[in-house]
Amino acid sequence: MPEEKEKGLKTTTVWLMIGTAVFFDALQILLDFLLMGWLVTIFASMTFWLWFMRHGISFMKPKRIAGSLVTMIIDIVPILGWLAWTVSISTFVLSKKIQDIVPGADITKLDIMNRK
């Protein structure tokens, strides 16, 4: 059975996802002072999972599962997790958008330090 091709993300969707991640991080900062920031992790995880599924992007690939788990673990640590969703979602959606434009490109593997 051939592997199903994933749908692409439109530019407006990318910016809405990044904005939503910033919102979840801001909400978590506020709720951390009430010791309820962990609720944001649950809602953010479900929101982004559903949103990516609606766009045909599966998280059942080892790299994506690892990235999601690392984000959720970092997000649990009070001060360290305040920007976890913004960094994670921005990295993922921008990487996905670049791969749609330039197949095989990956912003997480750019070698900036060894340029001559």
PDB file of N, CA and C in Angstrom:
ATOM      1  N   MET A   1       0.843  -1.172   0.000  1.00  0.00           N
ATOM      2  CA  MET A   1       0.000   0.000   0.000  1.00  0.00           C
ATOM      3  C   MET A   1       0.891   1.240   0.000  1.00  0.00           C
ATOM      4  N   PRO A   2       0.721   2.161  -0.940  1.00  0.00           N
ATOM      5  CA  PRO A   2       1.581   3.344  -0.998  1.00  0.00           C
ATOM      6  C   PRO A   2       1.341   4.267   0.193  1.00  0.00           C
ATOM      7  N   GLU A   3       2.425   4.947   0.594  1.00  0.00           N
ATOM      8  CA  GLU A   3       2.320   5.871   1.719  1.00  0.00           C
ATOM      9  C   GLU A   3       1.515   7.090   1.303  1.00  0.00           C
ATOM     10  N   GLU A   4       0.603   7.515   2.158  1.00  0.00           N
ATOM     11  CA  GLU A   4      -0.258   8.653   1.867  1.00  0.00           C
ATOM     12  C   GLU A   4       0.538   9.951   1.992  1.00  0.00           C
ATOM     13  N   LYS A   5       0.421  10.801   0.976  1.00  0.00           N
ATOM     14  CA  LYS A   5       1.139  12.074   0.991  1.00  0.00           C
ATOM     15  C   LYS A   5       0.412  13.039   1.930  1.00  0.00           C
ATOM     16  N   GLU A   6       1.197  13.756   2.744  1.00  0.00           N
ATOM     17  CA  GLU A   6       0.613  14.713   3.668  1.00  0.00           C
ATOM     18  C   GLU A   6       0.237  15.992   2.936  1.00  0.00           C
ATOM     19  N   LYS A   7      -0.828  16.607   3.373  1.00  0.00           N
ATOM     20  CA  LYS A   7      -1.247  17.890   2.816  1.00  0.00           C
ATOM     21  C   LYS A   7      -0.290  18.964   3.332  1.00  0.00           C
ATOM     22  N   GLY A   8      -0.217  20.060   2.615  1.00  0.00           N
ATOM     23  CA  GLY A   8       0.629  21.169   3.038  1.00  0.00           C
ATOM     24  C   GLY A   8      -0.125  22.143   3.933  1.00  0.00           C
ATOM     25  N   LEU A   9       0.626  23.027   4.569  1.00  0.00           N
ATOM     26  CA  LEU A   9       0.041  24.067   5.402  1.00  0.00           C
ATOM     27  C   LEU A   9       0.086  25.388   4.649  1.00  0.00           C
ATOM     28  N   LYS A  10      -1.023  26.104   4.654  1.00  0.00           N
ATOM     29  CA  LYS A  10      -1.045  27.428   4.040  1.00  0.00           C
ATOM     30  C   LYS A  10      -0.325  28.404   4.970  1.00  0.00           C
ATOM     31  N   THR A  11       0.150  29.486   4.412  1.00  0.00           N
ATOM     32  CA  THR A  11       0.881  30.487   5.188  1.00  0.00           C
ATOM     33  C   THR A  11       0.029  31.054   6.322  1.00  0.00           C
ATOM     34  N   THR A  12      -1.243  31.294   6.067  1.00  0.00           N
ATOM     35  CA  THR A  12      -2.111  31.823   7.128  1.00  0.00           C
ATOM     36  C   THR A  12      -2.277  30.822   8.257  1.00  0.00           C
ATOM     37  N   THR A  13      -2.351  29.542   7.924  1.00  0.00           N
ATOM     38  CA  THR A  13      -2.463  28.503   8.942  1.00  0.00           C
ATOM     39  C   THR A  13      -1.197  28.444   9.783  1.00  0.00           C
ATOM     40  N   VAL A  14      -0.041  28.582   9.147  1.00  0.00           N
ATOM     41  CA  VAL A  14       1.233  28.581   9.876  1.00  0.00           C
ATOM     42  C   VAL A  14       1.239  29.708  10.900  1.00  0.00           C
ATOM     43  N   TRP A  15       0.859  30.920  10.480  1.00  0.00           N
ATOM     44  CA  TRP A  15       0.864  32.054  11.401  1.00  0.00           C
ATOM     45  C   TRP A  15      -0.193  31.908  12.493  1.00  0.00           C
ATOM     46  N   LEU A  16      -1.343  31.339  12.170  1.00  0.00           N
ATOM     47  CA  LEU A  16      -2.364  31.096  13.197  1.00  0.00           C
ATOM     48  C   LEU A  16      -1.880  30.071  14.227  1.00  0.00           C
ATOM     49  N   MET A  17      -1.166  29.052  13.772  1.00  0.00           N
ATOM     50  CA  MET A  17      -0.625  28.055  14.696  1.00  0.00           C
ATOM     51  C   MET A  17       0.415  28.671  15.628  1.00  0.00           C
ATOM     52  N   ILE A  18       1.298  29.493  15.064  1.00  0.00           N
ATOM     53  CA  ILE A  18       2.309  30.154  15.892  1.00  0.00           C
ATOM     54  C   ILE A  18       1.633  31.101  16.890  1.00  0.00           C
ATOM     55  N   GLY A  19       0.636  31.847  16.440  1.00  0.00           N
ATOM     56  CA  GLY A  19      -0.104  32.735  17.337  1.00  0.00           C
ATOM     57  C   GLY A  19      -0.814  31.974  18.448  1.00  0.00           C
ATOM     58  N   THR A  20      -1.378  30.824  18.112  1.00  0.00           N
ATOM     59  CA  THR A  20      -2.041  29.991  19.112  1.00  0.00           C
ATOM     60  C   THR A  20      -1.030  29.452  20.122  1.00  0.00           C
ATOM     61  N   ALA A  21       0.153  29.092  19.646  1.00  0.00           N
ATOM     62  CA  ALA A  21       1.201  28.614  20.551  1.00  0.00           C
ATOM     63  C   ALA A  21       1.632  29.725  21.510  1.00  0.00           C
ATOM     64  N   VAL A  22       1.755  30.950  21.004  1.00  0.00           N
ATOM     65  CA  VAL A  22       2.091  32.095  21.868  1.00  0.00           C
ATOM     66  C   VAL A  22       0.987  32.300  22.902  1.00  0.00           C
ATOM     67  N   PHE A  23      -0.275  32.183  22.469  1.00  0.00           N
ATOM     68  CA  PHE A  23      -1.402  32.314  23.398  1.00  0.00           C
ATOM     69  C   PHE A  23      -1.332  31.258  24.498  1.00  0.00           C
ATOM     70  N   PHE A  24      -1.078  29.996  24.121  1.00  0.00           N
ATOM     71  CA  PHE A  24      -0.998  28.936  25.124  1.00  0.00           C
ATOM     72  C   PHE A  24       0.154  29.174  26.105  1.00  0.00           C
ATOM     73  N   ASP A  25       1.290  29.669  25.601  1.00  0.00           N
ATOM     74  CA  ASP A  25       2.413  29.958  26.497  1.00  0.00           C
ATOM     75  C   ASP A  25       2.082  31.101  27.450  1.00  0.00           C
ATOM     76  N   ALA A  26       1.419  32.155  26.952  1.00  0.00           N
ATOM     77  CA  ALA A  26       1.019  33.269  27.814  1.00  0.00           C
ATOM     78  C   ALA A  26       0.012  32.799  28.861  1.00  0.00           C
ATOM     79  N   LEU A  27      -0.928  31.977  28.448  1.00  0.00           N
ATOM     80  CA  LEU A  27      -1.916  31.435  29.370  1.00  0.00           C
ATOM     81  C   LEU A  27      -1.244  30.563  30.430  1.00  0.00           C
ATOM     82  N   GLN A  28      -0.245  29.812  30.019  1.00  0.00           N
ATOM     83  CA  GLN A  28       0.460  28.965  30.976  1.00  0.00           C
ATOM     84  C   GLN A  28       1.210  29.803  32.009  1.00  0.00           C
ATOM     85  N   ILE A  29       1.803  30.897  31.566  1.00  0.00           N
ATOM     86  CA  ILE A  29       2.500  31.778  32.514  1.00  0.00           C
ATOM     87  C   ILE A  29       1.526  32.268  33.575  1.00  0.00           C
ATOM     88  N   LEU A  30       0.349  32.698  33.157  1.00  0.00           N
ATOM     89  CA  LEU A  30      -0.656  33.176  34.113  1.00  0.00           C
ATOM     90  C   LEU A  30      -1.137  32.065  35.044  1.00  0.00           C
ATOM     91  N   LEU A  31      -1.382  30.890  34.487  1.00  0.00           N
ATOM     92  CA  LEU A  31      -1.905  29.792  35.299  1.00  0.00           C
ATOM     93  C   LEU A  31      -0.838  29.136  36.176  1.00  0.00           C
ATOM     94  N   ASP A  32       0.434  29.289  35.825  1.00  0.00           N
ATOM     95  CA  ASP A  32       1.498  28.746  36.678  1.00  0.00           C
ATOM     96  C   ASP A  32       1.497  29.399  38.055  1.00  0.00           C
ATOM     97  N   PHE A  33       1.106  30.657  38.110  1.00  0.00           N
ATOM     98  CA  PHE A  33       1.050  31.343  39.404  1.00  0.00           C
ATOM     99  C   PHE A  33      -0.081  30.803  40.276  1.00  0.00           C
ATOM    100  N   LEU A  34      -1.046  30.144  39.661  1.00  0.00           N
ATOM    101  CA  LEU A  34      -2.136  29.499  40.401  1.00  0.00           C
ATOM    102  C   LEU A  34      -1.927  27.990  40.526  1.00  0.00           C
ATOM    103  N   LEU A  35      -0.733  27.542  40.115  1.00  0.00           N
ATOM    104  CA  LEU A  35      -0.362  26.115  40.122  1.00  0.00           C
ATOM    105  C   LEU A  35      -1.282  25.272  39.244  1.00  0.00           C
ATOM    106  N   MET A  36      -1.758  25.855  38.149  1.00  0.00           N
ATOM    107  CA  MET A  36      -2.645  25.138  37.240  1.00  0.00           C
ATOM    108  C   MET A  36      -2.155  25.186  35.805  1.00  0.00           C
ATOM    109  N   GLY A  37      -0.875  25.508  35.598  1.00  0.00           N
ATOM    110  CA  GLY A  37      -0.306  25.592  34.265  1.00  0.00           C
ATOM    111  C   GLY A  37      -0.313  24.270  33.526  1.00  0.00           C
ATOM    112  N   TRP A  38      -0.351  23.172  34.249  1.00  0.00           N
ATOM    113  CA  TRP A  38      -0.363  21.843  33.631  1.00  0.00           C
ATOM    114  C   TRP A  38      -1.607  21.636  32.774  1.00  0.00           C
ATOM    115  N   LEU A  39      -2.689  22.350  33.077  1.00  0.00           N
ATOM    116  CA  LEU A  39      -3.908  22.232  32.267  1.00  0.00           C
ATOM    117  C   LEU A  39      -3.670  22.711  30.835  1.00  0.00           C
ATOM    118  N   VAL A  40      -2.815  23.716  30.686  1.00  0.00           N
ATOM    119  CA  VAL A  40      -2.521  24.250  29.363  1.00  0.00           C
ATOM    120  C   VAL A  40      -1.853  23.185  28.502  1.00  0.00           C
ATOM    121  N   THR A  41      -0.958  22.394  29.110  1.00  0.00           N
ATOM    122  CA  THR A  41      -0.279  21.331  28.365  1.00  0.00           C
ATOM    123  C   THR A  41      -1.284  20.358  27.769  1.00  0.00           C
ATOM    124  N   ILE A  42      -2.279  20.003  28.529  1.00  0.00           N
ATOM    125  CA  ILE A  42      -3.301  19.065  28.057  1.00  0.00           C
ATOM    126  C   ILE A  42      -4.089  19.672  26.896  1.00  0.00           C
ATOM    127  N   PHE A  43      -4.583  20.904  27.078  1.00  0.00           N
ATOM    128  CA  PHE A  43      -5.388  21.542  26.035  1.00  0.00           C
ATOM    129  C   PHE A  43      -4.566  21.878  24.793  1.00  0.00           C
ATOM    130  N   ALA A  44      -3.316  22.327  24.982  1.00  0.00           N
ATOM    131  CA  ALA A  44      -2.468  22.643  23.837  1.00  0.00           C
ATOM    132  C   ALA A  44      -2.150  21.375  23.043  1.00  0.00           C
ATOM    133  N   SER A  45      -1.854  20.291  23.741  1.00  0.00           N
ATOM    134  CA  SER A  45      -1.560  19.026  23.061  1.00  0.00           C
ATOM    135  C   SER A  45      -2.740  18.566  22.220  1.00  0.00           C
ATOM    136  N   MET A  46      -3.923  18.599  22.811  1.00  0.00           N
ATOM    137  CA  MET A  46      -5.111  18.170  22.081  1.00  0.00           C
ATOM    138  C   MET A  46      -5.422  19.109  20.912  1.00  0.00           C
ATOM    139  N   THR A  47      -5.260  20.404  21.123  1.00  0.00           N
ATOM    140  CA  THR A  47      -5.546  21.386  20.072  1.00  0.00           C
ATOM    141  C   THR A  47      -4.641  21.188  18.871  1.00  0.00           C
ATOM    142  N   PHE A  48      -3.325  21.114  19.124  1.00  0.00           N
ATOM    143  CA  PHE A  48      -2.394  20.987  18.004  1.00  0.00           C
ATOM    144  C   PHE A  48      -2.484  19.613  17.351  1.00  0.00           C
ATOM    145  N   TRP A  49      -2.734  18.572  18.121  1.00  0.00           N
ATOM    146  CA  TRP A  49      -2.903  17.241  17.542  1.00  0.00           C
ATOM    147  C   TRP A  49      -4.081  17.246  16.565  1.00  0.00           C
ATOM    148  N   LEU A  50      -5.213  17.790  17.012  1.00  0.00           N
ATOM    149  CA  LEU A  50      -6.407  17.845  16.167  1.00  0.00           C
ATOM    150  C   LEU A  50      -6.173  18.743  14.946  1.00  0.00           C
ATOM    151  N   TRP A  51      -5.541  19.862  15.166  1.00  0.00           N
ATOM    152  CA  TRP A  51      -5.294  20.807  14.080  1.00  0.00           C
ATOM    153  C   TRP A  51      -4.406  20.189  13.006  1.00  0.00           C
ATOM    154  N   PHE A  52      -3.325  19.521  13.412  1.00  0.00           N
ATOM    155  CA  PHE A  52      -2.449  18.874  12.437  1.00  0.00           C
ATOM    156  C   PHE A  52      -3.146  17.701  11.757  1.00  0.00           C
ATOM    157  N   MET A  53      -3.956  16.964  12.490  1.00  0.00           N
ATOM    158  CA  MET A  53      -4.694  15.855  11.888  1.00  0.00           C
ATOM    159  C   MET A  53      -5.673  16.353  10.822  1.00  0.00           C
ATOM    160  N   ARG A  54      -6.313  17.486  11.090  1.00  0.00           N
ATOM    161  CA  ARG A  54      -7.243  18.063  10.121  1.00  0.00           C
ATOM    162  C   ARG A  54      -6.533  18.495   8.839  1.00  0.00           C
ATOM    163  N   HIS A  55      -5.231  18.743   8.924  1.00  0.00           N
ATOM    164  CA  HIS A  55      -4.438  19.126   7.754  1.00  0.00           C
ATOM    165  C   HIS A  55      -3.662  17.949   7.182  1.00  0.00           C
ATOM    166  N   GLY A  56      -3.972  16.756   7.663  1.00  0.00           N
ATOM    167  CA  GLY A  56      -3.364  15.553   7.110  1.00  0.00           C
ATOM    168  C   GLY A  56      -1.926  15.310   7.542  1.00  0.00           C
ATOM    169  N   ILE A  57      -1.497  15.921   8.646  1.00  0.00           N
ATOM    170  CA  ILE A  57      -0.130  15.739   9.136  1.00  0.00           C
ATOM    171  C   ILE A  57      -0.185  14.807  10.341  1.00  0.00           C
ATOM    172  N   SER A  58       0.444  13.668  10.197  1.00  0.00           N
ATOM    173  CA  SER A  58       0.419  12.648  11.246  1.00  0.00           C
ATOM    174  C   SER A  58       1.629  12.791  12.162  1.00  0.00           C
ATOM    175  N   PHE A  59       1.406  12.511  13.444  1.00  0.00           N
ATOM    176  CA  PHE A  59       2.507  12.522  14.410  1.00  0.00           C
ATOM    177  C   PHE A  59       3.016  11.117  14.692  1.00  0.00           C
ATOM    178  N   MET A  60       2.604  10.157  13.878  1.00  0.00           N
ATOM    179  CA  MET A  60       3.014   8.777  14.085  1.00  0.00           C
ATOM    180  C   MET A  60       4.340   8.466  13.402  1.00  0.00           C
ATOM    181  N   LYS A  61       5.212   9.432  13.334  1.00  0.00           N
ATOM    182  CA  LYS A  61       6.562   9.236  12.820  1.00  0.00           C
ATOM    183  C   LYS A  61       7.517   9.455  13.982  1.00  0.00           C
ATOM    184  N   PRO A  62       8.588   8.676  14.087  1.00  0.00           N
ATOM    185  CA  PRO A  62       9.462   8.739  15.256  1.00  0.00           C
ATOM    186  C   PRO A  62       9.966  10.141  15.615  1.00  0.00           C
ATOM    187  N   LYS A  63      10.373  10.931  14.637  1.00  0.00           N
ATOM    188  CA  LYS A  63      10.896  12.272  14.901  1.00  0.00           C
ATOM    189  C   LYS A  63       9.809  13.178  15.481  1.00  0.00           C
ATOM    190  N   ARG A  64       8.602  13.068  14.965  1.00  0.00           N
ATOM    191  CA  ARG A  64       7.501  13.911  15.443  1.00  0.00           C
ATOM    192  C   ARG A  64       7.025  13.483  16.825  1.00  0.00           C
ATOM    193  N   ILE A  65       6.986  12.184  17.075  1.00  0.00           N
ATOM    194  CA  ILE A  65       6.601  11.699  18.398  1.00  0.00           C
ATOM    195  C   ILE A  65       7.614  12.171  19.437  1.00  0.00           C
ATOM    196  N   ALA A  66       8.896  12.053  19.113  1.00  0.00           N
ATOM    197  CA  ALA A  66       9.951  12.481  20.034  1.00  0.00           C
ATOM    198  C   ALA A  66       9.844  13.984  20.310  1.00  0.00           C
ATOM    199  N   GLY A  67       9.636  14.767  19.269  1.00  0.00           N
ATOM    200  CA  GLY A  67       9.502  16.214  19.445  1.00  0.00           C
ATOM    201  C   GLY A  67       8.316  16.583  20.314  1.00  0.00           C
ATOM    202  N   SER A  68       7.204  15.898  20.123  1.00  0.00           N
ATOM    203  CA  SER A  68       6.004  16.162  20.924  1.00  0.00           C
ATOM    204  C   SER A  68       6.222  15.801  22.383  1.00  0.00           C
ATOM    205  N   LEU A  69       6.843  14.658  22.626  1.00  0.00           N
ATOM    206  CA  LEU A  69       7.092  14.237  24.006  1.00  0.00           C
ATOM    207  C   LEU A  69       8.065  15.169  24.716  1.00  0.00           C
ATOM    208  N   VAL A  70       9.113  15.587  24.018  1.00  0.00           N
ATOM    209  CA  VAL A  70      10.072  16.520  24.618  1.00  0.00           C
ATOM    210  C   VAL A  70       9.388  17.832  24.964  1.00  0.00           C
ATOM    211  N   THR A  71       8.536  18.324  24.075  1.00  0.00           N
ATOM    212  CA  THR A  71       7.805  19.568  24.346  1.00  0.00           C
ATOM    213  C   THR A  71       6.928  19.436  25.576  1.00  0.00           C
ATOM    214  N   MET A  72       6.195  18.332  25.687  1.00  0.00           N
ATOM    215  CA  MET A  72       5.314  18.146  26.835  1.00  0.00           C
ATOM    216  C   MET A  72       6.098  18.005  28.138  1.00  0.00           C
ATOM    217  N   ILE A  73       7.258  17.343  28.090  1.00  0.00           N
ATOM    218  CA  ILE A  73       8.071  17.192  29.294  1.00  0.00           C
ATOM    219  C   ILE A  73       8.649  18.540  29.717  1.00  0.00           C
ATOM    220  N   ILE A  74       9.192  19.297  28.766  1.00  0.00           N
ATOM    221  CA  ILE A  74       9.743  20.621  29.082  1.00  0.00           C
ATOM    222  C   ILE A  74       8.633  21.545  29.569  1.00  0.00           C
ATOM    223  N   ASP A  75       7.448  21.402  29.009  1.00  0.00           N
ATOM    224  CA  ASP A  75       6.325  22.264  29.356  1.00  0.00           C
ATOM    225  C   ASP A  75       5.884  22.083  30.803  1.00  0.00           C
ATOM    226  N   ILE A  76       6.158  20.940  31.380  1.00  0.00           N
ATOM    227  CA  ILE A  76       5.758  20.674  32.756  1.00  0.00           C
ATOM    228  C   ILE A  76       6.610  21.462  33.745  1.00  0.00           C
ATOM    229  N   VAL A  77       7.886  21.725  33.404  1.00  0.00           N
ATOM    230  CA  VAL A  77       8.783  22.474  34.282  1.00  0.00           C
ATOM    231  C   VAL A  77       8.337  23.935  34.276  1.00  0.00           C
ATOM    232  N   PRO A  78       7.987  24.497  35.452  1.00  0.00           N
ATOM    233  CA  PRO A  78       7.341  25.817  35.490  1.00  0.00           C
ATOM    234  C   PRO A  78       7.987  26.922  34.656  1.00  0.00           C
ATOM    235  N   ILE A  79       9.148  27.397  34.958  1.00  0.00           N
ATOM    236  CA  ILE A  79       9.697  28.544  34.236  1.00  0.00           C
ATOM    237  C   ILE A  79      10.271  28.124  32.885  1.00  0.00           C
ATOM    238  N   LEU A  80      10.877  26.959  32.815  1.00  0.00           N
ATOM    239  CA  LEU A  80      11.480  26.468  31.579  1.00  0.00           C
ATOM    240  C   LEU A  80      10.438  26.251  30.481  1.00  0.00           C
ATOM    241  N   GLY A  81       9.237  25.869  30.859  1.00  0.00           N
ATOM    242  CA  GLY A  81       8.197  25.540  29.888  1.00  0.00           C
ATOM    243  C   GLY A  81       7.386  26.710  29.384  1.00  0.00           C
ATOM    244  N   TRP A  82       7.715  27.918  29.806  1.00  0.00           N
ATOM    245  CA  TRP A  82       6.907  29.064  29.418  1.00  0.00           C
ATOM    246  C   TRP A  82       6.934  29.358  27.929  1.00  0.00           C
ATOM    247  N   LEU A  83       7.961  28.960  27.220  1.00  0.00           N
ATOM    248  CA  LEU A  83       8.017  29.191  25.777  1.00  0.00           C
ATOM    249  C   LEU A  83       8.067  27.891  24.981  1.00  0.00           C
ATOM    250  N   ALA A  84       7.801  26.776  25.626  1.00  0.00           N
ATOM    251  CA  ALA A  84       7.934  25.467  24.978  1.00  0.00           C
ATOM    252  C   ALA A  84       7.024  25.318  23.758  1.00  0.00           C
ATOM    253  N   TRP A  85       5.773  25.714  23.862  1.00  0.00           N
ATOM    254  CA  TRP A  85       4.848  25.551  22.736  1.00  0.00           C
ATOM    255  C   TRP A  85       5.221  26.463  21.580  1.00  0.00           C
ATOM    256  N   THR A  86       5.599  27.685  21.876  1.00  0.00           N
ATOM    257  CA  THR A  86       5.962  28.621  20.815  1.00  0.00           C
ATOM    258  C   THR A  86       7.171  28.119  20.035  1.00  0.00           C
ATOM    259  N   VAL A  87       8.206  27.694  20.741  1.00  0.00           N
ATOM    260  CA  VAL A  87       9.422  27.206  20.082  1.00  0.00           C
ATOM    261  C   VAL A  87       9.133  25.929  19.291  1.00  0.00           C
ATOM    262  N   SER A  88       8.423  24.998  19.903  1.00  0.00           N
ATOM    263  CA  SER A  88       8.148  23.716  19.262  1.00  0.00           C
ATOM    264  C   SER A  88       7.286  23.858  18.007  1.00  0.00           C
ATOM    265  N   ILE A  89       6.175  24.556  18.133  1.00  0.00           N
ATOM    266  CA  ILE A  89       5.259  24.701  16.999  1.00  0.00           C
ATOM    267  C   ILE A  89       5.899  25.547  15.901  1.00  0.00           C
ATOM    268  N   SER A  90       6.604  26.621  16.278  1.00  0.00           N
ATOM    269  CA  SER A  90       7.268  27.462  15.269  1.00  0.00           C
ATOM    270  C   SER A  90       8.292  26.646  14.490  1.00  0.00           C
ATOM    271  N   THR A  91       9.105  25.881  15.193  1.00  0.00           N
ATOM    272  CA  THR A  91      10.121  25.059  14.535  1.00  0.00           C
ATOM    273  C   THR A  91       9.462  24.039  13.607  1.00  0.00           C
ATOM    274  N   PHE A  92       8.420  23.385  14.095  1.00  0.00           N
ATOM    275  CA  PHE A  92       7.771  22.351  13.297  1.00  0.00           C
ATOM    276  C   PHE A  92       7.093  22.912  12.059  1.00  0.00           C
ATOM    277  N   VAL A  93       6.249  23.942  12.223  1.00  0.00           N
ATOM    278  CA  VAL A  93       5.486  24.430  11.071  1.00  0.00           C
ATOM    279  C   VAL A  93       6.378  25.140  10.056  1.00  0.00           C
ATOM    280  N   LEU A  94       7.394  25.868  10.524  1.00  0.00           N
ATOM    281  CA  LEU A  94       8.296  26.520   9.576  1.00  0.00           C
ATOM    282  C   LEU A  94       9.136  25.488   8.835  1.00  0.00           C
ATOM    283  N   SER A  95       9.555  24.435   9.540  1.00  0.00           N
ATOM    284  CA  SER A  95      10.292  23.352   8.893  1.00  0.00           C
ATOM    285  C   SER A  95       9.415  22.666   7.847  1.00  0.00           C
ATOM    286  N   LYS A  96       8.170  22.415   8.204  1.00  0.00           N
ATOM    287  CA  LYS A  96       7.218  21.783   7.283  1.00  0.00           C
ATOM    288  C   LYS A  96       6.978  22.671   6.068  1.00  0.00           C
ATOM    289  N   LYS A  97       6.835  23.976   6.282  1.00  0.00           N
ATOM    290  CA  LYS A  97       6.600  24.914   5.180  1.00  0.00           C
ATOM    291  C   LYS A  97       7.815  24.961   4.254  1.00  0.00           C
ATOM    292  N   ILE A  98       9.027  24.962   4.824  1.00  0.00           N
ATOM    293  CA  ILE A  98      10.243  24.966   4.005  1.00  0.00           C
ATOM    294  C   ILE A  98      10.345  23.672   3.208  1.00  0.00           C
ATOM    295  N   GLN A  99       9.994  22.540   3.815  1.00  0.00           N
ATOM    296  CA  GLN A  99      10.041  21.256   3.113  1.00  0.00           C
ATOM    297  C   GLN A  99       9.025  21.211   1.980  1.00  0.00           C
ATOM    298  N   ASP A 100       7.904  21.899   2.129  1.00  0.00           N
ATOM    299  CA  ASP A 100       6.921  21.967   1.048  1.00  0.00           C
ATOM    300  C   ASP A 100       7.481  22.750  -0.141  1.00  0.00           C
ATOM    301  N   ILE A 101       8.260  23.792   0.157  1.00  0.00           N
ATOM    302  CA  ILE A 101       8.828  24.629  -0.896  1.00  0.00           C
ATOM    303  C   ILE A 101      10.072  23.976  -1.505  1.00  0.00           C
ATOM    304  N   VAL A 102      10.964  23.486  -0.631  1.00  0.00           N
ATOM    305  CA  VAL A 102      12.220  22.855  -1.071  1.00  0.00           C
ATOM    306  C   VAL A 102      12.250  21.435  -0.499  1.00  0.00           C
ATOM    307  N   PRO A 103      11.825  20.435  -1.265  1.00  0.00           N
ATOM    308  CA  PRO A 103      11.789  19.062  -0.758  1.00  0.00           C
ATOM    309  C   PRO A 103      13.156  18.609  -0.239  1.00  0.00           C
ATOM    310  N   GLY A 104      13.152  18.008   0.938  1.00  0.00           N
ATOM    311  CA  GLY A 104      14.387  17.503   1.538  1.00  0.00           C
ATOM    312  C   GLY A 104      15.089  18.510   2.433  1.00  0.00           C
ATOM    313  N   ALA A 105      14.674  19.781   2.414  1.00  0.00           N
ATOM    314  CA  ALA A 105      15.292  20.794   3.274  1.00  0.00           C
ATOM    315  C   ALA A 105      14.801  20.608   4.709  1.00  0.00           C
ATOM    316  N   ASP A 106      15.653  20.958   5.675  1.00  0.00           N
ATOM    317  CA  ASP A 106      15.282  20.816   7.077  1.00  0.00           C
ATOM    318  C   ASP A 106      15.990  21.895   7.881  1.00  0.00           C
ATOM    319  N   ILE A 107      15.221  22.809   8.505  1.00  0.00           N
ATOM    320  CA  ILE A 107      15.842  23.898   9.256  1.00  0.00           C
ATOM    321  C   ILE A 107      16.527  23.403  10.523  1.00  0.00           C
ATOM    322  N   THR A 108      16.161  22.238  10.988  1.00  0.00           N
ATOM    323  CA  THR A 108      16.804  21.718  12.194  1.00  0.00           C
ATOM    324  C   THR A 108      18.173  21.134  11.895  1.00  0.00           C
ATOM    325  N   LYS A 109      18.525  20.986  10.611  1.00  0.00           N
ATOM    326  CA  LYS A 109      19.819  20.429  10.246  1.00  0.00           C
ATOM    327  C   LYS A 109      20.709  21.422   9.499  1.00  0.00           C
ATOM    328  N   LEU A 110      20.352  22.702   9.520  1.00  0.00           N
ATOM    329  CA  LEU A 110      21.166  23.692   8.835  1.00  0.00           C
ATOM    330  C   LEU A 110      22.518  23.817   9.523  1.00  0.00           C
ATOM    331  N   ASP A 111      23.579  23.876   8.731  1.00  0.00           N
ATOM    332  CA  ASP A 111      24.929  23.961   9.268  1.00  0.00           C
ATOM    333  C   ASP A 111      25.458  25.374   9.046  1.00  0.00           C
ATOM    334  N   ILE A 112      25.133  26.261   9.949  1.00  0.00           N
ATOM    335  CA  ILE A 112      25.508  27.666   9.817  1.00  0.00           C
ATOM    336  C   ILE A 112      26.953  27.891  10.258  1.00  0.00           C
ATOM    337  N   MET A 113      27.416  27.147  11.234  1.00  0.00           N
ATOM    338  CA  MET A 113      28.742  27.375  11.822  1.00  0.00           C
ATOM    339  C   MET A 113      29.882  27.019  10.884  1.00  0.00           C
ATOM    340  N   ASN A 114      29.707  26.110   9.971  1.00  0.00           N
ATOM    341  CA  ASN A 114      30.800  25.644   9.114  1.00  0.00           C
ATOM    342  C   ASN A 114      30.802  26.298   7.737  1.00  0.00           C
ATOM    343  N   ARG A 115      30.159  27.435   7.600  1.00  0.00           N
ATOM    344  CA  ARG A 115      30.154  28.149   6.319  1.00  0.00           C
ATOM    345  C   ARG A 115      31.481  28.847   6.117  1.00  0.00           C
ATOM    346  N   LYS A 116      31.946  28.899   4.883  1.00  0.00           N
ATOM    347  CA  LYS A 116      33.223  29.564   4.567  1.00  0.00           C
ATOM    348  C   LYS A 116      32.993  30.788   3.737  1.00  0.00           C
TER     349      LYS A 116
END
